[in-house]
Amino acid sequence: MTTDASGAQGLRDRLAAPDAGADELDTRILDAALAEFETYGLRRVSVEDVARRAGVARTTIYRRFTNKEQLLQAVILRECRRFLTAIAEATEDLASPEDAVVEGFAVGLRSARTHPLMTRVLQSEPEAFLPQLSMNGGAVMLAARDILADRLRRARPGVAEDHGTVAEVLLRLAVSLLLVPGGGLALDDEDAIRAFARDYLTRLLAFPSSFGPGGPPSSGNAGDRRHRSDSP
Protein backbone atom coordinates (compact mmCIF):
# COMPACT_ATOMS: atom_id res chain seq x y z
CA MET A 1 0.00 0.00 0.00
CA THR A 2 1.42 3.38 -0.96
CA THR A 3 1.35 6.36 1.36
CA ASP A 4 -1.13 9.12 0.59
CA ALA A 5 1.04 12.08 1.58
CA SER A 6 -1.65 14.71 1.02
CA GLY A 7 -4.13 12.67 3.06
CA ALA A 8 -1.60 12.32 5.86
CA GLN A 9 -0.83 16.04 5.89
CA GLY A 10 -4.50 16.97 5.87
CA LEU A 11 -5.20 14.56 8.69
CA ARG A 12 -2.20 15.84 10.62
CA ASP A 13 -3.56 19.39 10.37
CA ARG A 14 -6.99 18.26 11.54
CA LEU A 15 -5.50 16.31 14.45
CA ALA A 16 -3.33 19.23 15.54
CA ALA A 17 -6.09 21.84 15.30
CA PRO A 18 -8.83 22.36 17.89
CA ASP A 19 -12.16 20.81 16.96
CA ALA A 20 -13.55 24.21 16.04
CA GLY A 21 -15.44 23.01 12.96
CA ALA A 22 -17.79 20.75 14.92
CA ASP A 23 -21.12 22.31 15.86
CA GLU A 24 -23.47 21.11 18.58
CA LEU A 25 -25.23 18.65 16.28
CA ASP A 26 -21.94 17.19 15.05
CA THR A 27 -20.87 16.70 18.65
CA ARG A 28 -24.17 15.03 19.50
CA ILE A 29 -23.89 12.65 16.56
CA LEU A 30 -20.25 11.79 17.30
CA ASP A 31 -21.02 11.24 20.98
CA ALA A 32 -23.84 8.88 20.02
CA ALA A 33 -21.66 7.04 17.51
CA LEU A 34 -18.86 6.64 20.06
CA ALA A 35 -21.29 5.22 22.62
CA GLU A 36 -22.71 2.77 20.07
CA PHE A 37 -19.27 1.59 18.92
CA GLU A 38 -18.10 1.20 22.53
CA THR A 39 -21.18 -0.85 23.42
CA TYR A 40 -21.69 -3.00 20.33
CA GLY A 41 -18.42 -2.91 18.39
CA LEU A 42 -17.66 -1.60 14.92
CA ARG A 43 -19.46 -4.14 12.75
CA ARG A 44 -22.84 -4.38 14.44
CA VAL A 45 -23.57 -0.66 14.62
CA SER A 46 -25.59 0.94 11.83
CA VAL A 47 -26.22 4.57 10.99
CA GLU A 48 -29.82 3.99 12.09
CA ASP A 49 -28.56 2.91 15.53
CA VAL A 50 -26.53 6.10 15.85
CA ALA A 51 -29.46 8.24 14.69
CA ARG A 52 -31.75 6.64 17.26
CA ARG A 53 -29.30 7.26 20.10
CA ALA A 54 -28.63 10.83 18.95
CA GLY A 55 -32.34 11.55 18.56
CA VAL A 56 -32.03 12.62 14.92
CA ALA A 57 -33.16 11.28 11.56
CA ARG A 58 -30.82 9.14 9.46
CA THR A 59 -30.96 11.77 6.74
CA THR A 60 -29.51 14.30 9.18
CA ILE A 61 -26.46 12.09 9.67
CA TYR A 62 -26.10 11.40 5.94
CA ARG A 63 -26.07 15.13 5.24
CA ARG A 64 -22.96 15.38 7.41
CA PHE A 65 -21.31 11.99 6.89
CA THR A 66 -21.47 10.14 3.58
CA ASN A 67 -21.67 6.67 5.13
CA LYS A 68 -20.92 4.67 8.26
CA GLU A 69 -17.22 4.43 7.41
CA GLN A 70 -16.86 8.20 7.23
CA LEU A 71 -18.73 8.51 10.52
CA LEU A 72 -16.39 5.97 12.12
CA GLN A 73 -13.34 7.81 10.80
CA ALA A 74 -14.68 11.06 12.26
CA VAL A 75 -15.08 9.37 15.65
CA ILE A 76 -11.55 7.94 15.48
CA LEU A 77 -10.15 11.32 14.42
CA ARG A 78 -11.75 13.01 17.42
CA GLU A 79 -10.49 10.33 19.82
CA CYS A 80 -6.98 10.54 18.32
CA ARG A 81 -7.04 14.30 18.86
CA ARG A 82 -8.00 13.79 22.50
CA PHE A 83 -5.32 11.11 22.86
CA LEU A 84 -2.56 13.31 21.42
CA THR A 85 -3.74 16.29 23.46
CA ALA A 86 -3.38 14.24 26.64
CA ILE A 87 0.18 13.30 25.69
CA ALA A 88 1.04 16.89 24.77
CA GLU A 89 -0.31 18.23 28.06
CA ALA A 90 1.55 15.57 30.05
CA THR A 91 4.88 16.39 28.41
CA GLU A 92 4.54 20.16 27.97
CA ASP A 93 6.59 21.40 30.93
CA LEU A 94 9.04 18.54 31.41
CA ALA A 95 12.69 19.46 31.73
CA SER A 96 14.24 17.04 29.24
CA PRO A 97 13.30 15.10 26.09
CA GLU A 98 14.08 11.90 27.99
CA ASP A 99 11.44 12.80 30.56
CA ALA A 100 9.05 13.60 27.70
CA VAL A 101 9.61 10.17 26.12
CA VAL A 102 9.04 8.40 29.44
CA GLU A 103 5.95 10.37 30.42
CA GLY A 104 4.50 10.45 26.91
CA PHE A 105 4.88 6.69 26.52
CA ALA A 106 3.37 5.99 29.94
CA VAL A 107 0.42 8.34 29.44
CA GLY A 108 -0.19 7.13 25.89
CA LEU A 109 -0.11 3.45 26.76
CA ARG A 110 -2.33 3.93 29.81
CA SER A 111 -4.82 6.04 27.84
CA ALA A 112 -5.02 3.49 25.04
CA ARG A 113 -5.38 0.55 27.42
CA THR A 114 -8.22 2.18 29.35
CA HIS A 115 -10.10 3.79 26.45
CA PRO A 116 -13.54 2.12 26.24
CA LEU A 117 -13.61 1.99 22.43
CA MET A 118 -10.06 0.66 22.18
CA THR A 119 -10.78 -1.93 24.86
CA ARG A 120 -13.98 -3.05 23.11
CA VAL A 121 -12.36 -3.39 19.70
CA LEU A 122 -9.21 -5.15 20.91
CA GLN A 123 -11.23 -7.66 22.92
CA SER A 124 -13.86 -8.53 20.34
CA GLU A 125 -12.66 -7.29 16.93
CA PRO A 126 -8.85 -6.94 17.00
CA GLU A 127 -8.70 -7.48 13.25
CA ALA A 128 -10.71 -4.26 12.80
CA PHE A 129 -8.10 -2.11 14.55
CA LEU A 130 -5.22 -2.10 12.06
CA PRO A 131 -7.35 -1.17 9.01
CA GLN A 132 -8.34 2.03 10.81
CA LEU A 133 -4.68 2.89 11.42
CA SER A 134 -3.83 2.17 7.78
CA MET A 135 -6.66 4.16 6.22
CA ASN A 136 -5.49 6.73 3.65
CA GLY A 137 -2.12 5.02 3.37
CA GLY A 138 -1.46 5.05 7.11
CA ALA A 139 -2.41 8.70 7.50
CA VAL A 140 -3.35 8.29 11.18
CA MET A 141 0.06 6.81 12.00
CA LEU A 142 1.87 9.48 9.96
CA ALA A 143 -0.14 12.27 11.53
CA ALA A 144 0.54 11.04 15.06
CA ARG A 145 4.21 10.53 14.21
CA ASP A 146 4.58 14.08 12.91
CA ILE A 147 2.95 15.59 15.99
CA LEU A 148 5.16 13.58 18.37
CA ALA A 149 8.25 14.39 16.29
CA ASP A 150 7.44 18.10 16.54
CA ARG A 151 7.27 17.72 20.31
CA LEU A 152 10.74 16.12 20.35
CA ARG A 153 12.18 18.83 18.09
CA ARG A 154 10.91 21.56 20.39
CA ALA A 155 12.48 19.79 23.35
CA ARG A 156 15.82 19.48 21.51
CA PRO A 157 16.32 22.66 19.48
CA GLY A 158 19.36 22.58 17.23
CA VAL A 159 19.77 18.79 17.38
CA ALA A 160 19.96 17.33 13.87
CA GLU A 161 18.25 13.98 14.27
CA ASP A 162 15.51 12.05 12.54
CA HIS A 163 12.87 12.74 15.16
CA GLY A 164 10.20 11.32 12.86
CA THR A 165 11.78 7.88 12.96
CA VAL A 166 12.08 7.97 16.76
CA ALA A 167 8.43 9.02 17.08
CA GLU A 168 7.24 6.31 14.70
CA VAL A 169 9.22 3.58 16.49
CA LEU A 170 7.60 4.65 19.78
CA LEU A 171 4.14 4.57 18.22
CA ARG A 172 4.64 1.20 16.56
CA LEU A 173 5.96 -0.29 19.78
CA ALA A 174 2.89 0.98 21.64
CA VAL A 175 0.58 -0.50 18.98
CA SER A 176 2.41 -3.83 19.26
CA LEU A 177 2.00 -3.87 23.04
CA LEU A 178 -1.72 -3.19 22.62
CA LEU A 179 -2.29 -5.85 19.96
CA VAL A 180 -0.11 -8.55 21.54
CA PRO A 181 -0.24 -8.17 25.33
CA GLY A 182 1.62 -10.48 27.66
CA GLY A 183 4.93 -12.04 26.70
CA GLY A 184 8.15 -11.42 28.58
CA LEU A 185 7.63 -7.68 29.13
CA ALA A 186 5.84 -7.19 32.45
CA LEU A 187 4.38 -3.74 31.79
CA ASP A 188 1.34 -4.02 34.00
CA ASP A 189 1.76 -0.95 36.21
CA GLU A 190 2.91 2.65 35.91
CA ASP A 191 6.28 2.08 37.58
CA ALA A 192 7.14 -0.81 35.27
CA ILE A 193 6.10 1.14 32.17
CA ARG A 194 8.16 4.17 33.15
CA ALA A 195 11.18 2.04 34.07
CA PHE A 196 10.99 0.28 30.69
CA ALA A 197 10.73 3.59 28.85
CA ARG A 198 13.62 5.07 30.85
CA ASP A 199 15.90 2.04 30.39
CA TYR A 200 15.21 1.33 26.72
CA LEU A 201 13.16 3.91 24.85
CA THR A 202 15.19 6.97 25.80
CA ARG A 203 18.14 5.34 24.03
CA LEU A 204 16.37 6.05 20.76
CA LEU A 205 17.14 9.73 21.27
CA ALA A 206 20.87 9.04 20.98
CA PHE A 207 20.75 6.27 18.40
CA PRO A 208 20.80 8.32 15.15
CA SER A 209 23.81 10.38 16.21
CA SER A 210 25.86 7.37 17.30
CA PHE A 211 26.79 6.52 13.71
CA GLY A 212 28.67 8.39 11.04
CA PRO A 213 27.27 9.82 7.80
CA GLY A 214 26.72 6.33 6.43
CA GLY A 215 24.08 5.62 9.06
CA PRO A 216 23.76 2.41 11.00
CA PRO A 217 25.93 -0.52 9.99
CA SER A 218 24.56 -3.03 7.53
CA SER A 219 23.24 -6.35 8.74
CA GLY A 220 26.40 -7.99 7.45
CA ASN A 221 28.62 -5.75 9.54
CA ALA A 222 26.41 -6.31 12.55
CA GLY A 223 26.76 -10.03 12.06
CA ASP A 224 30.54 -9.68 11.82
CA ARG A 225 30.57 -7.77 15.10
CA ARG A 226 28.45 -10.38 16.83
CA HIS A 227 30.71 -13.11 15.50
CA ARG A 228 33.82 -11.31 16.71
CA SER A 229 32.31 -10.61 20.12
CA ASP A 230 31.47 -14.29 20.50
CA SER A 231 34.99 -15.35 19.59
CA PRO A 232 37.52 -16.04 22.37
C-alpha atoms as a PDB file:
ATOM      1  CA  MET A   1       0.000   0.000   0.000  1.00  0.00           C
ATOM      2  CA  THR A   2       1.416   3.379  -0.957  1.00  0.00           C
ATOM      3  CA  THR A   3       1.350   6.360   1.359  1.00  0.00           C
ATOM      4  CA  ASP A   4      -1.131   9.117   0.593  1.00  0.00           C
ATOM      5  CA  ALA A   5       1.043  12.084   1.576  1.00  0.00           C
ATOM      6  CA  SER A   6      -1.647  14.709   1.018  1.00  0.00           C
ATOM      7  CA  GLY A   7      -4.125  12.669   3.058  1.00  0.00           C
ATOM      8  CA  ALA A   8      -1.598  12.322   5.857  1.00  0.00           C
ATOM      9  CA  GLN A   9      -0.834  16.042   5.892  1.00  0.00           C
ATOM     10  CA  GLY A  10      -4.499  16.972   5.872  1.00  0.00           C
ATOM     11  CA  LEU A  11      -5.203  14.559   8.694  1.00  0.00           C
ATOM     12  CA  ARG A  12      -2.203  15.841  10.625  1.00  0.00           C
ATOM     13  CA  ASP A  13      -3.562  19.388  10.372  1.00  0.00           C
ATOM     14  CA  ARG A  14      -6.994  18.260  11.544  1.00  0.00           C
ATOM     15  CA  LEU A  15      -5.501  16.312  14.454  1.00  0.00           C
ATOM     16  CA  ALA A  16      -3.329  19.229  15.542  1.00  0.00           C
ATOM     17  CA  ALA A  17      -6.088  21.836  15.300  1.00  0.00           C
ATOM     18  CA  PRO A  18      -8.827  22.355  17.893  1.00  0.00           C
ATOM     19  CA  ASP A  19     -12.160  20.814  16.961  1.00  0.00           C
ATOM     20  CA  ALA A  20     -13.545  24.210  16.039  1.00  0.00           C
ATOM     21  CA  GLY A  21     -15.440  23.006  12.963  1.00  0.00           C
ATOM     22  CA  ALA A  22     -17.792  20.753  14.917  1.00  0.00           C
ATOM     23  CA  ASP A  23     -21.122  22.311  15.860  1.00  0.00           C
ATOM     24  CA  GLU A  24     -23.471  21.110  18.579  1.00  0.00           C
ATOM     25  CA  LEU A  25     -25.234  18.652  16.284  1.00  0.00           C
ATOM     26  CA  ASP A  26     -21.935  17.189  15.051  1.00  0.00           C
ATOM     27  CA  THR A  27     -20.873  16.697  18.654  1.00  0.00           C
ATOM     28  CA  ARG A  28     -24.168  15.032  19.496  1.00  0.00           C
ATOM     29  CA  ILE A  29     -23.890  12.647  16.559  1.00  0.00           C
ATOM     30  CA  LEU A  30     -20.252  11.792  17.295  1.00  0.00           C
ATOM     31  CA  ASP A  31     -21.017  11.242  20.985  1.00  0.00           C
ATOM     32  CA  ALA A  32     -23.836   8.878  20.022  1.00  0.00           C
ATOM     33  CA  ALA A  33     -21.661   7.040  17.507  1.00  0.00           C
ATOM     34  CA  LEU A  34     -18.860   6.642  20.056  1.00  0.00           C
ATOM     35  CA  ALA A  35     -21.287   5.225  22.622  1.00  0.00           C
ATOM     36  CA  GLU A  36     -22.705   2.773  20.071  1.00  0.00           C
ATOM     37  CA  PHE A  37     -19.269   1.590  18.917  1.00  0.00           C
ATOM     38  CA  GLU A  38     -18.104   1.198  22.528  1.00  0.00           C
ATOM     39  CA  THR A  39     -21.182  -0.848  23.418  1.00  0.00           C
ATOM     40  CA  TYR A  40     -21.689  -3.003  20.332  1.00  0.00           C
ATOM     41  CA  GLY A  41     -18.418  -2.914  18.394  1.00  0.00           C
ATOM     42  CA  LEU A  42     -17.663  -1.602  14.924  1.00  0.00           C
ATOM     43  CA  ARG A  43     -19.461  -4.139  12.746  1.00  0.00           C
ATOM     44  CA  ARG A  44     -22.844  -4.381  14.443  1.00  0.00           C
ATOM     45  CA  VAL A  45     -23.567  -0.662  14.624  1.00  0.00           C
ATOM     46  CA  SER A  46     -25.589   0.936  11.831  1.00  0.00           C
ATOM     47  CA  VAL A  47     -26.224   4.572  10.988  1.00  0.00           C
ATOM     48  CA  GLU A  48     -29.815   3.986  12.087  1.00  0.00           C
ATOM     49  CA  ASP A  49     -28.560   2.913  15.535  1.00  0.00           C
ATOM     50  CA  VAL A  50     -26.531   6.103  15.846  1.00  0.00           C
ATOM     51  CA  ALA A  51     -29.457   8.237  14.685  1.00  0.00           C
ATOM     52  CA  ARG A  52     -31.746   6.639  17.258  1.00  0.00           C
ATOM     53  CA  ARG A  53     -29.296   7.260  20.103  1.00  0.00           C
ATOM     54  CA  ALA A  54     -28.629  10.829  18.947  1.00  0.00           C
ATOM     55  CA  GLY A  55     -32.337  11.555  18.558  1.00  0.00           C
ATOM     56  CA  VAL A  56     -32.035  12.619  14.917  1.00  0.00           C
ATOM     57  CA  ALA A  57     -33.158  11.283  11.561  1.00  0.00           C
ATOM     58  CA  ARG A  58     -30.816   9.141   9.459  1.00  0.00           C
ATOM     59  CA  THR A  59     -30.963  11.768   6.740  1.00  0.00           C
ATOM     60  CA  THR A  60     -29.507  14.298   9.176  1.00  0.00           C
ATOM     61  CA  ILE A  61     -26.459  12.090   9.666  1.00  0.00           C
ATOM     62  CA  TYR A  62     -26.098  11.400   5.939  1.00  0.00           C
ATOM     63  CA  ARG A  63     -26.065  15.132   5.237  1.00  0.00           C
ATOM     64  CA  ARG A  64     -22.960  15.382   7.408  1.00  0.00           C
ATOM     65  CA  PHE A  65     -21.310  11.986   6.890  1.00  0.00           C
ATOM     66  CA  THR A  66     -21.471  10.139   3.581  1.00  0.00           C
ATOM     67  CA  ASN A  67     -21.669   6.670   5.131  1.00  0.00           C
ATOM     68  CA  LYS A  68     -20.924   4.671   8.261  1.00  0.00           C
ATOM     69  CA  GLU A  69     -17.225   4.427   7.408  1.00  0.00           C
ATOM     70  CA  GLN A  70     -16.855   8.199   7.232  1.00  0.00           C
ATOM     71  CA  LEU A  71     -18.730   8.513  10.522  1.00  0.00           C
ATOM     72  CA  LEU A  72     -16.388   5.967  12.122  1.00  0.00           C
ATOM     73  CA  GLN A  73     -13.341   7.811  10.805  1.00  0.00           C
ATOM     74  CA  ALA A  74     -14.684  11.061  12.264  1.00  0.00           C
ATOM     75  CA  VAL A  75     -15.082   9.369  15.652  1.00  0.00           C
ATOM     76  CA  ILE A  76     -11.552   7.945  15.478  1.00  0.00           C
ATOM     77  CA  LEU A  77     -10.151  11.317  14.417  1.00  0.00           C
ATOM     78  CA  ARG A  78     -11.745  13.013  17.418  1.00  0.00           C
ATOM     79  CA  GLU A  79     -10.488  10.330  19.819  1.00  0.00           C
ATOM     80  CA  CYS A  80      -6.984  10.539  18.316  1.00  0.00           C
ATOM     81  CA  ARG A  81      -7.043  14.297  18.862  1.00  0.00           C
ATOM     82  CA  ARG A  82      -7.999  13.792  22.503  1.00  0.00           C
ATOM     83  CA  PHE A  83      -5.318  11.112  22.864  1.00  0.00           C
ATOM     84  CA  LEU A  84      -2.558  13.307  21.424  1.00  0.00           C
ATOM     85  CA  THR A  85      -3.735  16.295  23.456  1.00  0.00           C
ATOM     86  CA  ALA A  86      -3.384  14.242  26.644  1.00  0.00           C
ATOM     87  CA  ILE A  87       0.184  13.298  25.693  1.00  0.00           C
ATOM     88  CA  ALA A  88       1.041  16.887  24.766  1.00  0.00           C
ATOM     89  CA  GLU A  89      -0.307  18.228  28.056  1.00  0.00           C
ATOM     90  CA  ALA A  90       1.548  15.567  30.052  1.00  0.00           C
ATOM     91  CA  THR A  91       4.883  16.392  28.411  1.00  0.00           C
ATOM     92  CA  GLU A  92       4.539  20.162  27.968  1.00  0.00           C
ATOM     93  CA  ASP A  93       6.593  21.399  30.926  1.00  0.00           C
ATOM     94  CA  LEU A  94       9.045  18.536  31.409  1.00  0.00           C
ATOM     95  CA  ALA A  95      12.694  19.458  31.731  1.00  0.00           C
ATOM     96  CA  SER A  96      14.238  17.041  29.241  1.00  0.00           C
ATOM     97  CA  PRO A  97      13.297  15.102  26.090  1.00  0.00           C
ATOM     98  CA  GLU A  98      14.085  11.902  27.993  1.00  0.00           C
ATOM     99  CA  ASP A  99      11.435  12.799  30.556  1.00  0.00           C
ATOM    100  CA  ALA A 100       9.051  13.599  27.699  1.00  0.00           C
ATOM    101  CA  VAL A 101       9.608  10.171  26.120  1.00  0.00           C
ATOM    102  CA  VAL A 102       9.038   8.398  29.440  1.00  0.00           C
ATOM    103  CA  GLU A 103       5.945  10.366  30.420  1.00  0.00           C
ATOM    104  CA  GLY A 104       4.499  10.445  26.914  1.00  0.00           C
ATOM    105  CA  PHE A 105       4.883   6.690  26.516  1.00  0.00           C
ATOM    106  CA  ALA A 106       3.372   5.995  29.936  1.00  0.00           C
ATOM    107  CA  VAL A 107       0.420   8.338  29.438  1.00  0.00           C
ATOM    108  CA  GLY A 108      -0.189   7.133  25.891  1.00  0.00           C
ATOM    109  CA  LEU A 109      -0.109   3.448  26.762  1.00  0.00           C
ATOM    110  CA  ARG A 110      -2.333   3.934  29.805  1.00  0.00           C
ATOM    111  CA  SER A 111      -4.822   6.039  27.840  1.00  0.00           C
ATOM    112  CA  ALA A 112      -5.024   3.486  25.036  1.00  0.00           C
ATOM    113  CA  ARG A 113      -5.377   0.546  27.422  1.00  0.00           C
ATOM    114  CA  THR A 114      -8.218   2.184  29.346  1.00  0.00           C
ATOM    115  CA  HIS A 115     -10.099   3.794  26.452  1.00  0.00           C
ATOM    116  CA  PRO A 116     -13.539   2.116  26.245  1.00  0.00           C
ATOM    117  CA  LEU A 117     -13.606   1.994  22.425  1.00  0.00           C
ATOM    118  CA  MET A 118     -10.057   0.662  22.177  1.00  0.00           C
ATOM    119  CA  THR A 119     -10.777  -1.934  24.859  1.00  0.00           C
ATOM    120  CA  ARG A 120     -13.976  -3.046  23.114  1.00  0.00           C
ATOM    121  CA  VAL A 121     -12.362  -3.385  19.702  1.00  0.00           C
ATOM    122  CA  LEU A 122      -9.211  -5.150  20.913  1.00  0.00           C
ATOM    123  CA  GLN A 123     -11.233  -7.660  22.920  1.00  0.00           C
ATOM    124  CA  SER A 124     -13.864  -8.533  20.337  1.00  0.00           C
ATOM    125  CA  GLU A 125     -12.661  -7.294  16.930  1.00  0.00           C
ATOM    126  CA  PRO A 126      -8.847  -6.940  17.003  1.00  0.00           C
ATOM    127  CA  GLU A 127      -8.697  -7.484  13.245  1.00  0.00           C
ATOM    128  CA  ALA A 128     -10.706  -4.261  12.798  1.00  0.00           C
ATOM    129  CA  PHE A 129      -8.103  -2.109  14.550  1.00  0.00           C
ATOM    130  CA  LEU A 130      -5.221  -2.105  12.059  1.00  0.00           C
ATOM    131  CA  PRO A 131      -7.346  -1.169   9.008  1.00  0.00           C
ATOM    132  CA  GLN A 132      -8.339   2.027  10.809  1.00  0.00           C
ATOM    133  CA  LEU A 133      -4.678   2.889  11.416  1.00  0.00           C
ATOM    134  CA  SER A 134      -3.828   2.173   7.785  1.00  0.00           C
ATOM    135  CA  MET A 135      -6.662   4.164   6.219  1.00  0.00           C
ATOM    136  CA  ASN A 136      -5.487   6.734   3.655  1.00  0.00           C
ATOM    137  CA  GLY A 137      -2.121   5.022   3.369  1.00  0.00           C
ATOM    138  CA  GLY A 138      -1.459   5.053   7.111  1.00  0.00           C
ATOM    139  CA  ALA A 139      -2.415   8.701   7.500  1.00  0.00           C
ATOM    140  CA  VAL A 140      -3.345   8.290  11.177  1.00  0.00           C
ATOM    141  CA  MET A 141       0.062   6.811  11.996  1.00  0.00           C
ATOM    142  CA  LEU A 142       1.868   9.476   9.960  1.00  0.00           C
ATOM    143  CA  ALA A 143      -0.141  12.271  11.535  1.00  0.00           C
ATOM    144  CA  ALA A 144       0.540  11.036  15.059  1.00  0.00           C
ATOM    145  CA  ARG A 145       4.212  10.529  14.207  1.00  0.00           C
ATOM    146  CA  ASP A 146       4.581  14.078  12.914  1.00  0.00           C
ATOM    147  CA  ILE A 147       2.955  15.585  15.993  1.00  0.00           C
ATOM    148  CA  LEU A 148       5.159  13.584  18.371  1.00  0.00           C
ATOM    149  CA  ALA A 149       8.246  14.392  16.292  1.00  0.00           C
ATOM    150  CA  ASP A 150       7.436  18.102  16.541  1.00  0.00           C
ATOM    151  CA  ARG A 151       7.274  17.716  20.314  1.00  0.00           C
ATOM    152  CA  LEU A 152      10.744  16.116  20.354  1.00  0.00           C
ATOM    153  CA  ARG A 153      12.183  18.827  18.094  1.00  0.00           C
ATOM    154  CA  ARG A 154      10.913  21.560  20.391  1.00  0.00           C
ATOM    155  CA  ALA A 155      12.484  19.785  23.346  1.00  0.00           C
ATOM    156  CA  ARG A 156      15.817  19.479  21.511  1.00  0.00           C
ATOM    157  CA  PRO A 157      16.322  22.659  19.477  1.00  0.00           C
ATOM    158  CA  GLY A 158      19.356  22.577  17.228  1.00  0.00           C
ATOM    159  CA  VAL A 159      19.774  18.790  17.375  1.00  0.00           C
ATOM    160  CA  ALA A 160      19.961  17.332  13.871  1.00  0.00           C
ATOM    161  CA  GLU A 161      18.253  13.975  14.271  1.00  0.00           C
ATOM    162  CA  ASP A 162      15.512  12.050  12.542  1.00  0.00           C
ATOM    163  CA  HIS A 163      12.867  12.739  15.162  1.00  0.00           C
ATOM    164  CA  GLY A 164      10.201  11.325  12.860  1.00  0.00           C
ATOM    165  CA  THR A 165      11.785   7.879  12.961  1.00  0.00           C
ATOM    166  CA  VAL A 166      12.080   7.967  16.756  1.00  0.00           C
ATOM    167  CA  ALA A 167       8.429   9.020  17.082  1.00  0.00           C
ATOM    168  CA  GLU A 168       7.240   6.306  14.701  1.00  0.00           C
ATOM    169  CA  VAL A 169       9.215   3.581  16.492  1.00  0.00           C
ATOM    170  CA  LEU A 170       7.604   4.647  19.780  1.00  0.00           C
ATOM    171  CA  LEU A 171       4.137   4.568  18.219  1.00  0.00           C
ATOM    172  CA  ARG A 172       4.636   1.202  16.555  1.00  0.00           C
ATOM    173  CA  LEU A 173       5.957  -0.291  19.776  1.00  0.00           C
ATOM    174  CA  ALA A 174       2.894   0.982  21.638  1.00  0.00           C
ATOM    175  CA  VAL A 175       0.585  -0.500  18.978  1.00  0.00           C
ATOM    176  CA  SER A 176       2.408  -3.835  19.257  1.00  0.00           C
ATOM    177  CA  LEU A 177       2.001  -3.873  23.041  1.00  0.00           C
ATOM    178  CA  LEU A 178      -1.716  -3.192  22.615  1.00  0.00           C
ATOM    179  CA  LEU A 179      -2.289  -5.851  19.959  1.00  0.00           C
ATOM    180  CA  VAL A 180      -0.106  -8.552  21.542  1.00  0.00           C
ATOM    181  CA  PRO A 181      -0.238  -8.165  25.335  1.00  0.00           C
ATOM    182  CA  GLY A 182       1.621 -10.479  27.656  1.00  0.00           C
ATOM    183  CA  GLY A 183       4.934 -12.037  26.697  1.00  0.00           C
ATOM    184  CA  GLY A 184       8.146 -11.421  28.582  1.00  0.00           C
ATOM    185  CA  LEU A 185       7.631  -7.685  29.134  1.00  0.00           C
ATOM    186  CA  ALA A 186       5.843  -7.189  32.447  1.00  0.00           C
ATOM    187  CA  LEU A 187       4.385  -3.743  31.785  1.00  0.00           C
ATOM    188  CA  ASP A 188       1.344  -4.017  34.002  1.00  0.00           C
ATOM    189  CA  ASP A 189       1.761  -0.951  36.207  1.00  0.00           C
ATOM    190  CA  GLU A 190       2.915   2.646  35.907  1.00  0.00           C
ATOM    191  CA  ASP A 191       6.280   2.078  37.583  1.00  0.00           C
ATOM    192  CA  ALA A 192       7.141  -0.811  35.266  1.00  0.00           C
ATOM    193  CA  ILE A 193       6.098   1.140  32.172  1.00  0.00           C
ATOM    194  CA  ARG A 194       8.162   4.169  33.154  1.00  0.00           C
ATOM    195  CA  ALA A 195      11.182   2.042  34.066  1.00  0.00           C
ATOM    196  CA  PHE A 196      10.987   0.277  30.688  1.00  0.00           C
ATOM    197  CA  ALA A 197      10.730   3.589  28.849  1.00  0.00           C
ATOM    198  CA  ARG A 198      13.619   5.073  30.846  1.00  0.00           C
ATOM    199  CA  ASP A 199      15.899   2.045  30.388  1.00  0.00           C
ATOM    200  CA  TYR A 200      15.210   1.328  26.723  1.00  0.00           C
ATOM    201  CA  LEU A 201      13.158   3.911  24.848  1.00  0.00           C
ATOM    202  CA  THR A 202      15.189   6.970  25.804  1.00  0.00           C
ATOM    203  CA  ARG A 203      18.145   5.341  24.030  1.00  0.00           C
ATOM    204  CA  LEU A 204      16.368   6.053  20.760  1.00  0.00           C
ATOM    205  CA  LEU A 205      17.140   9.730  21.273  1.00  0.00           C
ATOM    206  CA  ALA A 206      20.873   9.038  20.983  1.00  0.00           C
ATOM    207  CA  PHE A 207      20.751   6.270  18.398  1.00  0.00           C
ATOM    208  CA  PRO A 208      20.797   8.315  15.147  1.00  0.00           C
ATOM    209  CA  SER A 209      23.808  10.384  16.205  1.00  0.00           C
ATOM    210  CA  SER A 210      25.865   7.365  17.300  1.00  0.00           C
ATOM    211  CA  PHE A 211      26.793   6.522  13.708  1.00  0.00           C
ATOM    212  CA  GLY A 212      28.668   8.388  11.038  1.00  0.00           C
ATOM    213  CA  PRO A 213      27.268   9.822   7.798  1.00  0.00           C
ATOM    214  CA  GLY A 214      26.718   6.328   6.432  1.00  0.00           C
ATOM    215  CA  GLY A 215      24.076   5.622   9.062  1.00  0.00           C
ATOM    216  CA  PRO A 216      23.757   2.405  11.004  1.00  0.00           C
ATOM    217  CA  PRO A 217      25.931  -0.524   9.992  1.00  0.00           C
ATOM    218  CA  SER A 218      24.564  -3.031   7.532  1.00  0.00           C
ATOM    219  CA  SER A 219      23.240  -6.349   8.742  1.00  0.00           C
ATOM    220  CA  GLY A 220      26.398  -7.986   7.446  1.00  0.00           C
ATOM    221  CA  ASN A 221      28.620  -5.746   9.542  1.00  0.00           C
ATOM    222  CA  ALA A 222      26.406  -6.308  12.551  1.00  0.00           C
ATOM    223  CA  GLY A 223      26.758 -10.034  12.061  1.00  0.00           C
ATOM    224  CA  ASP A 224      30.537  -9.679  11.820  1.00  0.00           C
ATOM    225  CA  ARG A 225      30.567  -7.773  15.102  1.00  0.00           C
ATOM    226  CA  ARG A 226      28.452 -10.385  16.834  1.00  0.00           C
ATOM    227  CA  HIS A 227      30.708 -13.109  15.504  1.00  0.00           C
ATOM    228  CA  ARG A 228      33.820 -11.309  16.706  1.00  0.00           C
ATOM    229  CA  SER A 229      32.307 -10.611  20.123  1.00  0.00           C
ATOM    230  CA  ASP A 230      31.467 -14.292  20.500  1.00  0.00           C
ATOM    231  CA  SER A 231      34.993 -15.351  19.592  1.00  0.00           C
ATOM    232  CA  PRO A 232      37.515 -16.041  22.369  1.00  0.00           C
END
